Protein backbone atom coordinates (compact mmCIF):
# COMPACT_ATOMS: atom_id res chain seq x y z
CA MET A 1 -231.63 10.98 -5.89
CA ASP A 2 -233.81 7.73 -4.50
CA PHE A 3 -232.14 5.24 -2.57
CA ASN A 4 -232.55 3.10 -5.13
CA SER A 5 -230.03 4.80 -7.84
CA MET A 6 -227.89 5.96 -5.28
CA ASN A 7 -227.16 2.65 -4.08
CA SER A 8 -226.90 1.07 -7.74
CA LYS A 9 -224.40 3.67 -8.52
CA PHE A 10 -222.70 2.61 -5.58
CA LYS A 11 -222.57 -1.09 -6.61
CA LYS A 12 -221.44 0.15 -10.01
CA PHE A 13 -218.24 1.91 -8.49
CA ALA A 14 -217.47 -1.14 -6.21
CA GLY A 15 -217.65 -2.76 -8.91
CA GLU A 16 -215.22 -0.84 -11.00
CA ALA A 17 -212.75 -0.25 -8.02
CA SER A 18 -212.79 -4.03 -7.30
CA THR A 19 -211.85 -4.95 -10.48
CA VAL A 20 -209.18 -2.24 -10.77
CA PHE A 21 -208.00 -3.70 -7.82
CA ASN A 22 -207.32 -7.19 -8.93
CA ARG A 23 -205.82 -5.69 -12.05
CA ALA A 24 -203.16 -4.02 -9.65
CA VAL A 25 -202.72 -7.17 -7.60
CA GLN A 26 -202.71 -9.60 -10.92
CA PHE A 27 -199.24 -6.84 -12.50
CA THR A 28 -198.08 -6.92 -9.01
CA GLU A 29 -197.81 -10.44 -8.75
CA GLU A 30 -196.62 -10.91 -12.52
CA LYS A 31 -194.32 -8.94 -11.82
CA LEU A 32 -192.90 -10.36 -8.41
CA GLY A 33 -192.97 -14.07 -10.65
CA THR A 34 -196.07 -15.14 -7.99
CA ALA A 35 -198.58 -14.94 -10.86
CA GLU A 36 -199.50 -17.11 -14.09
CA LYS A 37 -199.53 -14.85 -17.24
CA THR A 38 -201.75 -15.46 -20.58
CA GLU A 39 -198.60 -15.26 -23.01
CA LEU A 40 -199.91 -14.90 -26.84
CA ASP A 41 -199.04 -16.71 -29.56
CA ALA A 42 -196.04 -16.73 -31.90
CA HIS A 43 -197.67 -15.09 -34.44
CA PHE A 44 -199.65 -12.38 -32.65
CA GLU A 45 -196.51 -11.38 -31.03
CA ASN A 46 -194.99 -11.02 -34.41
CA LEU A 47 -197.53 -8.80 -35.62
CA LEU A 48 -196.92 -6.35 -32.41
CA GLN A 49 -193.36 -6.09 -32.79
CA ARG A 50 -193.79 -5.60 -36.68
CA ALA A 51 -196.54 -2.62 -35.62
CA ASP A 52 -193.98 -0.94 -32.82
CA LYS A 53 -191.37 -1.27 -35.84
CA THR A 54 -193.17 0.42 -38.01
CA LYS A 55 -194.18 3.36 -35.33
CA LEU A 56 -190.81 3.98 -34.24
CA TRP A 57 -189.02 3.81 -37.76
CA THR A 58 -192.16 6.09 -39.37
CA GLU A 59 -191.61 8.78 -36.31
CA ASN A 60 -187.67 8.92 -36.99
CA ILE A 61 -188.10 8.70 -41.41
CA LYS A 62 -191.08 11.75 -40.78
CA ARG A 63 -188.29 13.31 -38.57
CA ALA A 64 -185.47 12.87 -40.93
CA THR A 65 -187.64 13.63 -43.63
CA GLU A 66 -188.79 17.28 -42.21
CA ALA A 67 -184.76 17.87 -41.31
CA LEU A 68 -183.79 17.91 -44.95
CA ILE A 69 -186.98 19.87 -46.46
CA GLN A 70 -185.87 22.68 -43.44
CA PRO A 71 -182.86 22.21 -41.99
CA ASN A 72 -183.86 25.28 -38.99
CA PRO A 73 -185.02 23.69 -36.47
CA ASN A 74 -186.25 27.21 -34.72
CA GLN A 75 -188.23 27.37 -38.38
CA ARG A 76 -189.50 23.95 -38.20
CA MET A 77 -190.78 24.54 -34.48
CA GLU A 78 -192.19 27.46 -35.50
CA ASP A 79 -193.90 25.53 -38.56
CA MET A 80 -195.38 23.09 -36.38
CA LEU A 81 -197.08 25.85 -33.56
CA TYR A 82 -198.83 27.05 -36.57
CA GLU A 83 -199.47 23.69 -36.86
CA LYS A 84 -201.10 22.83 -33.62
CA LEU A 85 -202.86 25.94 -33.86
CA GLU A 86 -204.12 25.50 -37.10
CA LYS A 87 -202.66 28.55 -39.16
CA ARG A 88 -201.56 28.97 -42.15
CA LYS A 89 -197.43 28.40 -42.41
CA LYS A 90 -195.87 31.94 -43.28
CA ASP A 91 -194.22 32.06 -46.00
CA ARG A 92 -190.05 32.53 -46.61
CA MET A 93 -188.02 32.51 -49.16
CA THR A 94 -185.61 29.85 -49.88
CA TYR A 95 -181.61 29.95 -49.45
CA TYR A 96 -181.66 29.42 -52.64
CA GLU A 97 -183.56 32.70 -53.18
CA THR A 98 -181.93 34.68 -51.05
CA LEU A 99 -178.49 34.21 -52.16
CA GLY A 100 -180.26 34.48 -55.71
CA ASN A 101 -181.56 37.74 -54.90
CA CYS A 102 -178.38 39.02 -53.34
CA MET A 103 -176.48 38.50 -56.09
CA VAL A 104 -179.10 39.76 -58.98
CA ASP A 105 -179.00 43.17 -55.97
CA ALA A 106 -174.80 43.23 -56.40
CA GLY A 107 -174.42 42.82 -59.99
CA HIS A 108 -177.56 45.72 -60.75
CA ASP A 109 -175.04 47.92 -58.20
CA PHE A 110 -171.96 46.90 -60.80
CA GLY A 111 -174.06 47.48 -63.47
CA PRO A 112 -175.25 44.44 -65.79
CA GLY A 113 -172.94 45.84 -68.46
CA THR A 114 -169.98 44.90 -66.88
CA SER A 115 -168.72 41.21 -67.28
CA TYR A 116 -168.82 40.39 -63.10
CA GLY A 117 -172.08 42.53 -62.24
CA ASN A 118 -173.76 41.02 -65.66
CA ALA A 119 -172.01 37.37 -64.34
CA LEU A 120 -174.25 38.01 -61.01
CA VAL A 121 -177.27 38.81 -62.66
CA LYS A 122 -177.40 35.33 -64.65
CA CYS A 123 -176.03 33.77 -61.35
CA GLY A 124 -178.94 35.04 -59.04
CA GLN A 125 -181.25 34.07 -61.36
CA ALA A 126 -180.37 30.81 -61.79
CA GLN A 127 -180.47 30.35 -57.58
CA ILE A 128 -184.31 32.33 -57.81
CA GLN A 129 -184.61 29.76 -60.45
CA ILE A 130 -183.37 26.81 -58.11
CA GLY A 131 -185.23 28.45 -55.54
CA ASN A 132 -188.53 27.98 -56.92
CA ALA A 133 -187.73 24.20 -57.92
CA GLU A 134 -186.86 23.26 -54.53
CA ARG A 135 -190.52 25.07 -53.12
CA GLU A 136 -191.99 22.89 -55.19
CA PHE A 137 -190.21 20.03 -54.22
CA VAL A 138 -191.34 20.76 -50.98
CA SER A 139 -194.43 21.15 -51.21
CA THR A 140 -195.00 18.13 -53.06
CA THR A 141 -192.51 16.04 -50.38
CA ILE A 142 -194.92 17.31 -47.52
CA ASN A 143 -198.29 16.56 -49.47
CA ASN A 144 -197.53 12.93 -50.77
CA PHE A 145 -194.79 11.98 -48.12
CA LEU A 146 -194.86 12.97 -45.06
CA THR A 147 -198.67 13.99 -44.36
CA PRO A 148 -199.29 10.10 -44.95
CA LEU A 149 -196.84 9.34 -42.12
CA TYR A 150 -198.45 12.09 -39.91
CA ASN A 151 -201.87 11.01 -40.90
CA PHE A 152 -200.97 7.48 -40.27
CA LEU A 153 -199.18 7.61 -37.01
CA GLU A 154 -202.22 10.18 -35.55
CA GLY A 155 -204.86 7.96 -37.14
CA ASP A 156 -204.42 4.39 -37.57
CA MET A 157 -201.37 4.03 -35.25
CA LYS A 158 -202.96 5.41 -32.19
CA THR A 159 -206.18 3.56 -32.59
CA ILE A 160 -203.77 0.14 -32.73
CA LEU A 161 -202.03 1.21 -29.47
CA LYS A 162 -205.35 2.21 -27.81
CA GLU A 163 -207.09 -1.38 -28.69
CA LYS A 164 -204.07 -2.97 -27.17
CA LYS A 165 -203.51 -1.48 -24.34
CA LEU A 166 -207.23 -2.61 -24.54
CA LEU A 167 -205.97 -5.77 -24.75
CA GLU A 168 -203.67 -5.91 -21.76
CA VAL A 169 -206.43 -4.88 -19.55
CA LYS A 170 -208.29 -7.37 -20.55
CA ARG A 171 -205.58 -9.58 -20.32
CA LEU A 172 -204.93 -8.70 -16.94
CA ASP A 173 -208.31 -9.12 -16.20
CA LEU A 174 -208.58 -12.88 -17.63
CA ASP A 175 -205.60 -13.78 -15.34
CA ALA A 176 -206.84 -12.78 -12.31
CA ALA A 177 -210.36 -14.66 -13.03
CA LYS A 178 -207.85 -17.92 -13.55
CA SER A 179 -206.09 -17.00 -10.08
CA ARG A 180 -209.51 -16.69 -8.17
CA LEU A 181 -211.05 -19.93 -9.44
CA ARG A 182 -208.03 -21.45 -8.65
CA LYS A 183 -207.94 -20.42 -4.71
CA ALA A 184 -211.75 -20.67 -4.55
CA LYS A 185 -211.37 -24.14 -6.10
CA SER A 186 -208.07 -24.64 -3.33
CA THR A 187 -209.76 -23.52 0.04
CA THR A 188 -210.52 -26.40 2.43
CA THR A 189 -213.52 -26.22 4.30
CA THR A 190 -216.01 -27.89 6.17
CA GLN A 191 -218.96 -29.84 5.26
CA GLN A 192 -220.91 -27.00 6.79
CA GLU A 193 -219.40 -24.65 4.49
CA GLY A 194 -219.48 -26.90 1.40
CA GLN A 195 -222.20 -24.97 -0.19
CA SER A 196 -220.82 -21.28 0.01
CA ARG A 197 -217.78 -23.15 -1.26
CA ASP A 198 -219.74 -24.25 -4.34
CA ASP A 199 -221.48 -20.97 -5.39
CA THR A 200 -217.97 -18.80 -4.81
CA VAL A 201 -216.49 -22.00 -7.28
CA ALA A 202 -219.27 -21.29 -9.23
CA LYS A 203 -219.11 -18.12 -9.35
CA ALA A 204 -215.26 -17.64 -10.52
CA GLU A 205 -216.07 -19.77 -12.78
CA ALA A 206 -219.17 -17.39 -14.36
CA ASP A 207 -216.34 -14.84 -14.44
CA LEU A 208 -214.10 -16.70 -15.97
CA ARG A 209 -215.68 -17.42 -18.69
CA THR A 210 -216.84 -13.84 -18.97
CA ALA A 211 -213.17 -12.78 -19.11
CA GLN A 212 -212.42 -15.19 -21.32
CA SER A 213 -214.50 -13.99 -23.99
CA GLU A 214 -214.04 -10.43 -23.60
CA PHE A 215 -210.36 -11.36 -23.68
CA ASP A 216 -210.90 -13.70 -26.98
CA ARG A 217 -213.30 -10.81 -28.64
CA GLN A 218 -210.51 -7.99 -28.34
CA SER A 219 -207.24 -10.26 -28.72
CA GLU A 220 -209.40 -10.81 -33.07
CA ILE A 221 -210.10 -6.64 -32.64
CA THR A 222 -205.94 -5.64 -31.80
CA LYS A 223 -204.90 -8.77 -34.37
CA ILE A 224 -207.42 -7.24 -37.64
CA LEU A 225 -206.14 -3.73 -36.86
CA LEU A 226 -202.29 -5.46 -36.78
CA GLU A 227 -202.79 -7.02 -39.98
CA GLY A 228 -203.75 -4.14 -41.35
CA ILE A 229 -199.88 -2.81 -41.07
CA ASN A 230 -199.72 -4.76 -44.73
CA SER A 231 -201.91 -2.06 -46.18
CA THR A 232 -199.83 0.40 -44.59
CA HIS A 233 -196.44 -0.55 -45.77
CA ALA A 234 -197.82 -1.35 -49.31
CA HIS A 235 -199.31 2.42 -48.89
CA HIS A 236 -196.00 4.12 -47.67
CA LEU A 237 -193.79 2.09 -50.20
CA ARG A 238 -196.78 4.30 -53.15
CA CYS A 239 -195.32 7.67 -50.80
CA LEU A 240 -192.57 7.00 -50.94
CA ASN A 241 -191.90 6.12 -54.84
CA ASP A 242 -193.83 9.84 -55.53
CA PHE A 243 -190.74 11.15 -52.67
CA ILE A 244 -187.91 9.58 -55.15
CA GLU A 245 -189.88 10.99 -57.87
CA ALA A 246 -189.73 14.29 -56.90
CA GLN A 247 -186.58 14.36 -55.60
CA THR A 248 -185.37 13.26 -58.54
CA LYS A 249 -187.18 16.07 -60.41
CA PHE A 250 -186.17 18.77 -58.73
CA TYR A 251 -182.31 17.44 -59.02
CA ALA A 252 -182.58 17.42 -62.87
CA GLN A 253 -183.82 20.52 -62.80
CA CYS A 254 -181.09 21.89 -61.03
CA GLN A 255 -178.80 20.46 -62.74
CA GLN A 256 -180.57 21.43 -65.91
CA TYR A 257 -179.86 25.15 -64.59
CA MET A 258 -176.37 25.13 -63.88
CA THR A 259 -175.75 23.51 -67.45
CA ASP A 260 -177.44 26.70 -68.81
CA LEU A 261 -176.09 28.70 -66.26
CA GLN A 262 -172.29 27.71 -67.15
CA LYS A 263 -172.71 27.82 -70.85
CA GLN A 264 -173.86 31.91 -70.47
CA LEU A 265 -170.95 32.22 -68.36
CA GLY A 266 -168.89 30.31 -70.78
CA SER A 267 -170.17 32.53 -73.13
CA SER A 268 -169.58 35.45 -71.46
CA LEU A 269 -165.90 34.88 -70.71
CA SER A 270 -165.41 34.57 -74.16
CA THR A 271 -166.89 37.90 -75.22
CA SER A 272 -164.73 39.56 -72.08
CA GLU A 273 -162.09 38.03 -74.21
């Protein structure tokens, strides 16, 4: 590696270190109340707050829905592990199917020709039907409701957080540049030092223009992403409707299975009497 290349890399490293130091100083002085801070306009602040609320409640709704379709926390953790490893989750019987199979086995053991055994078989078959309906409901909920929420949190929301963090960096750079310009202008100098002071002020003004331009550009990028939350809410509303439709279908199936079962059991009781 030649000397010029090494010198260029050293200057780049020194410049980056100086920038990080200036940000740290600006951040510390703001916390101490000894430095001015560029404030975002009210509309921008509202967009930021809405994005934060969207992230918070999307995470909470996702967690609560996962608990609804899989109440067992250990099995939820196991499913999450399979997802992280990108492996197919284990197929499990639902609680309804487990109960149904138990009843059917008991009914056959007692004898399907007996009133009790026959009733157990019929009840077990109904529970298995409910279990199958629940399996379909869970699958639909994952595909049409949970997956879009997960994709938003892992995709658009992470992008927003990244750009929001970068905006804060650009804001610190801007305020640090403003502070350096104020200090350069307020410095008292002798006549002999006048030229050097003018050069310092000119450089500070150029740095401020660059920092302002980068801040404005990052503000616009972040604002566009934040305004995209409107589309996110519209999409999540459609997903919510899909979830309610699936839930309505599931409960209607359960009611039909139970109504049919009651009729069968009633008929069996009349026959046994």
